[in-house]
Amino acid sequence: MAAPAEARPLLAAYHEGAAALPAPFGAWASACLSEIDPAALTEVLAEGFAGLQLPATALQDPAGYERCAPLLSVLEERDVPLFVHPGAAPASAGVPGWWPALVPYVQQMHAAWFAFRAFGRPRHPRLRVCFAMLAGLAPSTANASPRGEADATRSTRPPTSRRPPTDRAPPTPPCAPSASTRSCTAPTARTRAPATCTWATPPTTRSAWRTPAAC
């Protein structure tokens, strides 16, 4: 976290450049977190910024919401949203370059989401919030892996054909179990040799039947 003397010139340059963007572009305001200044945020929002962006690392526990409360109150008063995105996550030695975007980013957003539900919403009931991330969202929504690298979580088995075999057993029950013995004998689908299955209780519906080979 940069000191206020270092952060303010950078924030001013960012806001100046972002405010000069032509339509239809817009931008989110940013704020110094080493020294909370709600008055400065109010001035910036008056220039037409969409709302305030904060890193997820700033809102992961009760202390974070206590510290940022003056900024969030400004958003509530002006009825503009908060945009939460991943914060800084420098790569550690020995990890691939894609690691920060796919591991710490996801962890940060996970913690920030539940922190908002537990601590943020009760304190700021009218605050509108958007949680978003780009690359880090992928493993949460699909079986994604870095391009060009194998995904160790995926099965290496070849895909199984969905076409039913020609000798598949008919969908009707393979046999009629006795209520007293609760077992039956019927030919299997492929070998036609007898096979026996036993139920803990007699099946009462068609969906409860199993083919003998699966017993």
Protein backbone atom coordinates (compact mmCIF):
# COMPACT_ATOMS: atom_id res chain seq x y z
CA MET A 1 0.00 0.00 0.00
CA ALA A 2 1.54 3.29 -1.13
CA ALA A 3 1.98 6.21 1.24
CA PRO A 4 -0.49 9.09 0.73
CA ALA A 5 2.21 11.37 -0.68
CA GLU A 6 2.98 8.77 -3.35
CA ALA A 7 -0.57 7.69 -4.04
CA ARG A 8 -2.26 11.06 -4.52
CA PRO A 9 -0.30 12.18 -7.64
CA LEU A 10 -0.90 8.80 -9.27
CA LEU A 11 -4.59 8.89 -8.46
CA ALA A 12 -4.89 12.43 -9.77
CA ALA A 13 -3.20 11.44 -13.05
CA TYR A 14 -5.46 8.41 -13.40
CA HIS A 15 -8.64 10.40 -12.78
CA GLU A 16 -7.57 13.15 -15.16
CA GLY A 17 -6.86 10.73 -17.98
CA ALA A 18 -9.95 8.62 -17.37
CA ALA A 19 -12.24 11.65 -17.24
CA ALA A 20 -10.94 12.76 -20.64
CA LEU A 21 -12.04 9.55 -22.35
CA PRO A 22 -14.58 10.20 -25.12
CA ALA A 23 -18.03 8.67 -25.17
CA PRO A 24 -19.08 5.92 -24.88
CA PHE A 25 -16.24 5.15 -22.48
CA GLY A 26 -16.56 5.66 -18.75
CA ALA A 27 -14.41 4.90 -15.73
CA TRP A 28 -14.45 3.97 -12.07
CA ALA A 29 -13.03 6.24 -9.43
CA SER A 30 -10.17 5.06 -7.24
CA ALA A 31 -9.23 6.00 -3.69
CA CYS A 32 -6.19 6.13 -1.48
CA LEU A 33 -6.38 3.30 1.06
CA SER A 34 -3.39 4.30 3.18
CA GLU A 35 -5.30 7.42 4.20
CA ILE A 36 -9.08 7.28 3.79
CA ASP A 37 -10.45 10.55 2.41
CA PRO A 38 -14.23 10.52 1.75
CA ALA A 39 -14.21 14.20 0.77
CA ALA A 40 -11.75 13.52 -2.05
CA LEU A 41 -13.92 10.66 -3.26
CA THR A 42 -16.99 12.91 -3.27
CA GLU A 43 -15.17 15.42 -5.48
CA VAL A 44 -14.05 12.76 -7.93
CA LEU A 45 -17.51 11.20 -8.20
CA ALA A 46 -18.94 14.62 -8.99
CA GLU A 47 -16.90 14.53 -12.20
CA GLY A 48 -19.09 11.76 -13.53
CA PHE A 49 -17.29 8.56 -12.56
CA ALA A 50 -19.46 5.44 -12.46
CA GLY A 51 -18.61 4.55 -8.87
CA LEU A 52 -15.66 3.42 -6.78
CA GLN A 53 -13.34 0.52 -7.49
CA LEU A 54 -11.64 -1.24 -4.57
CA PRO A 55 -9.39 -4.30 -4.47
CA ALA A 56 -10.76 -7.44 -2.88
CA THR A 57 -7.85 -7.42 -0.45
CA ALA A 58 -9.26 -4.25 1.15
CA LEU A 59 -12.61 -5.88 2.00
CA GLN A 60 -11.89 -9.36 3.32
CA ASP A 61 -12.72 -9.02 7.01
CA PRO A 62 -14.47 -6.79 9.56
CA ALA A 63 -11.39 -4.59 9.87
CA GLY A 64 -11.48 -3.88 6.13
CA TYR A 65 -15.09 -2.79 6.26
CA GLU A 66 -14.40 -0.68 9.34
CA ARG A 67 -11.56 1.09 7.54
CA CYS A 68 -13.41 1.62 4.25
CA ALA A 69 -16.77 2.50 5.82
CA PRO A 70 -16.43 6.28 5.12
CA LEU A 71 -15.88 5.57 1.42
CA LEU A 72 -18.75 3.10 1.22
CA SER A 73 -21.05 5.57 2.98
CA VAL A 74 -20.30 8.12 0.25
CA LEU A 75 -21.38 5.58 -2.36
CA GLU A 76 -24.62 4.90 -0.52
CA GLU A 77 -25.39 8.59 -0.19
CA ARG A 78 -24.82 9.21 -3.89
CA ASP A 79 -26.42 5.90 -4.94
CA VAL A 80 -23.44 4.81 -7.03
CA PRO A 81 -22.00 1.28 -7.01
CA LEU A 82 -18.87 -0.33 -5.65
CA PHE A 83 -16.75 -2.41 -8.03
CA VAL A 84 -14.68 -5.14 -6.31
CA HIS A 85 -11.88 -6.73 -8.31
CA PRO A 86 -8.73 -8.73 -7.45
CA GLY A 87 -5.91 -6.85 -5.75
CA ALA A 88 -2.16 -7.19 -6.07
CA ALA A 89 -0.89 -10.78 -6.22
CA PRO A 90 2.79 -10.91 -7.20
CA ALA A 91 4.03 -14.31 -8.32
CA SER A 92 6.10 -16.23 -5.81
CA ALA A 93 9.41 -17.78 -6.78
CA GLY A 94 9.07 -21.08 -8.56
CA VAL A 95 5.43 -20.76 -9.68
CA PRO A 96 4.26 -20.35 -13.31
CA GLY A 97 3.46 -16.91 -14.64
CA TRP A 98 -0.26 -17.68 -14.81
CA TRP A 99 -0.41 -18.53 -11.08
CA PRO A 100 -1.46 -15.11 -9.68
CA ALA A 101 -4.44 -14.76 -11.99
CA LEU A 102 -5.73 -18.28 -11.43
CA VAL A 103 -5.03 -18.91 -7.75
CA PRO A 104 -4.66 -15.79 -5.50
CA TYR A 105 -7.20 -13.82 -7.51
CA VAL A 106 -9.81 -16.52 -6.98
CA GLN A 107 -8.98 -16.79 -3.28
CA GLN A 108 -9.24 -13.01 -2.85
CA MET A 109 -12.63 -12.80 -4.54
CA HIS A 110 -13.94 -15.79 -2.63
CA ALA A 111 -13.05 -14.16 0.68
CA ALA A 112 -14.35 -10.74 -0.41
CA TRP A 113 -17.70 -12.18 -1.50
CA PHE A 114 -18.38 -13.87 1.82
CA ALA A 115 -16.99 -10.92 3.79
CA PHE A 116 -19.50 -8.69 2.05
CA ARG A 117 -22.34 -11.02 2.96
CA ALA A 118 -21.20 -11.32 6.58
CA PHE A 119 -19.93 -7.81 7.32
CA GLY A 120 -20.63 -5.47 4.41
CA ARG A 121 -24.31 -5.92 3.72
CA PRO A 122 -25.47 -5.55 7.35
CA ARG A 123 -23.49 -2.33 7.62
CA HIS A 124 -24.38 -0.91 4.20
CA PRO A 125 -27.86 -2.16 3.32
CA ARG A 126 -28.32 0.18 0.34
CA LEU A 127 -24.89 -0.31 -1.21
CA ARG A 128 -24.84 -1.69 -4.74
CA VAL A 129 -21.83 -3.96 -5.41
CA CYS A 130 -20.34 -5.62 -8.48
CA PHE A 131 -17.83 -8.47 -8.07
CA ALA A 132 -15.90 -9.24 -11.24
CA MET A 133 -12.68 -10.75 -12.51
CA LEU A 134 -11.45 -11.98 -15.88
CA ALA A 135 -8.87 -14.79 -16.07
CA GLY A 136 -9.36 -15.82 -12.45
CA LEU A 137 -13.06 -16.49 -13.00
CA ALA A 138 -12.44 -19.26 -15.51
CA PRO A 139 -11.66 -22.15 -13.16
CA SER A 140 -14.74 -21.30 -11.15
CA THR A 141 -17.05 -21.66 -14.15
CA ALA A 142 -15.45 -24.19 -16.50
CA ASN A 143 -12.82 -26.89 -16.74
CA ALA A 144 -10.20 -24.35 -17.78
CA SER A 145 -6.45 -24.66 -17.69
CA PRO A 146 -3.63 -22.42 -18.95
CA ARG A 147 -3.32 -22.64 -22.70
CA GLY A 148 -0.84 -25.21 -23.86
CA GLU A 149 -0.60 -27.04 -20.54
CA ALA A 150 -2.31 -30.25 -19.50
CA ASP A 151 -5.05 -30.09 -16.92
CA ALA A 152 -4.22 -32.68 -14.26
CA THR A 153 -7.82 -32.61 -13.00
CA ARG A 154 -9.24 -33.90 -16.26
CA SER A 155 -9.69 -37.56 -16.94
CA THR A 156 -7.24 -39.11 -19.41
CA ARG A 157 -9.68 -41.82 -20.39
CA PRO A 158 -10.92 -41.69 -24.00
CA PRO A 159 -14.49 -40.47 -24.43
CA THR A 160 -17.16 -43.11 -24.27
CA SER A 161 -19.55 -43.42 -27.17
CA ARG A 162 -23.12 -42.59 -26.29
CA ARG A 163 -24.49 -44.89 -29.00
CA PRO A 164 -26.28 -47.84 -27.38
CA PRO A 165 -24.86 -51.29 -28.18
CA THR A 166 -26.92 -53.47 -30.47
CA ASP A 167 -27.14 -56.21 -27.87
CA ARG A 168 -28.27 -53.99 -25.02
CA ALA A 169 -30.87 -55.55 -22.77
CA PRO A 170 -34.44 -54.34 -23.31
CA PRO A 171 -35.72 -51.61 -20.98
CA THR A 172 -38.26 -53.97 -19.47
CA PRO A 173 -37.37 -55.60 -16.13
CA PRO A 174 -34.95 -58.51 -16.76
CA CYS A 175 -36.88 -60.77 -14.41
CA ALA A 176 -39.65 -60.76 -11.89
CA PRO A 177 -38.25 -61.02 -8.35
CA SER A 178 -40.19 -62.81 -5.73
CA ALA A 179 -41.30 -60.78 -2.74
CA SER A 180 -40.18 -63.64 -0.54
CA THR A 181 -36.75 -64.33 -2.07
CA ARG A 182 -36.08 -60.77 -3.33
CA SER A 183 -33.77 -62.15 -6.01
CA CYS A 184 -33.98 -63.16 -9.64
CA THR A 185 -32.03 -64.86 -12.37
CA ALA A 186 -31.86 -63.60 -15.94
CA PRO A 187 -29.42 -63.68 -18.88
CA THR A 188 -26.89 -60.83 -19.10
CA ALA A 189 -27.04 -58.38 -22.00
CA ARG A 190 -23.93 -59.64 -23.82
CA THR A 191 -23.32 -63.28 -22.87
CA ARG A 192 -26.91 -64.41 -22.38
CA ALA A 193 -25.60 -66.48 -19.47
CA PRO A 194 -27.65 -66.47 -16.27
CA ALA A 195 -26.75 -63.88 -13.65
CA THR A 196 -28.36 -63.27 -10.30
CA CYS A 197 -29.15 -59.98 -8.59
CA THR A 198 -30.51 -59.37 -5.15
CA TRP A 199 -32.33 -56.32 -3.81
CA ALA A 200 -32.49 -55.18 -0.23
CA THR A 201 -36.18 -54.64 -0.91
CA PRO A 202 -38.18 -55.65 -3.97
CA PRO A 203 -38.21 -52.85 -6.59
CA THR A 204 -41.60 -51.21 -6.78
CA THR A 205 -41.08 -48.91 -9.77
CA ARG A 206 -39.50 -49.33 -13.17
CA SER A 207 -36.73 -46.86 -12.29
CA ALA A 208 -35.70 -49.09 -9.40
CA TRP A 209 -34.76 -52.04 -11.62
CA ARG A 210 -31.13 -52.79 -12.42
CA THR A 211 -29.77 -55.04 -15.12
CA PRO A 212 -28.16 -58.19 -13.68
CA ALA A 213 -24.70 -57.19 -14.97
CA ALA A 214 -24.81 -54.07 -12.79
CA CYS A 215 -25.71 -55.86 -9.58
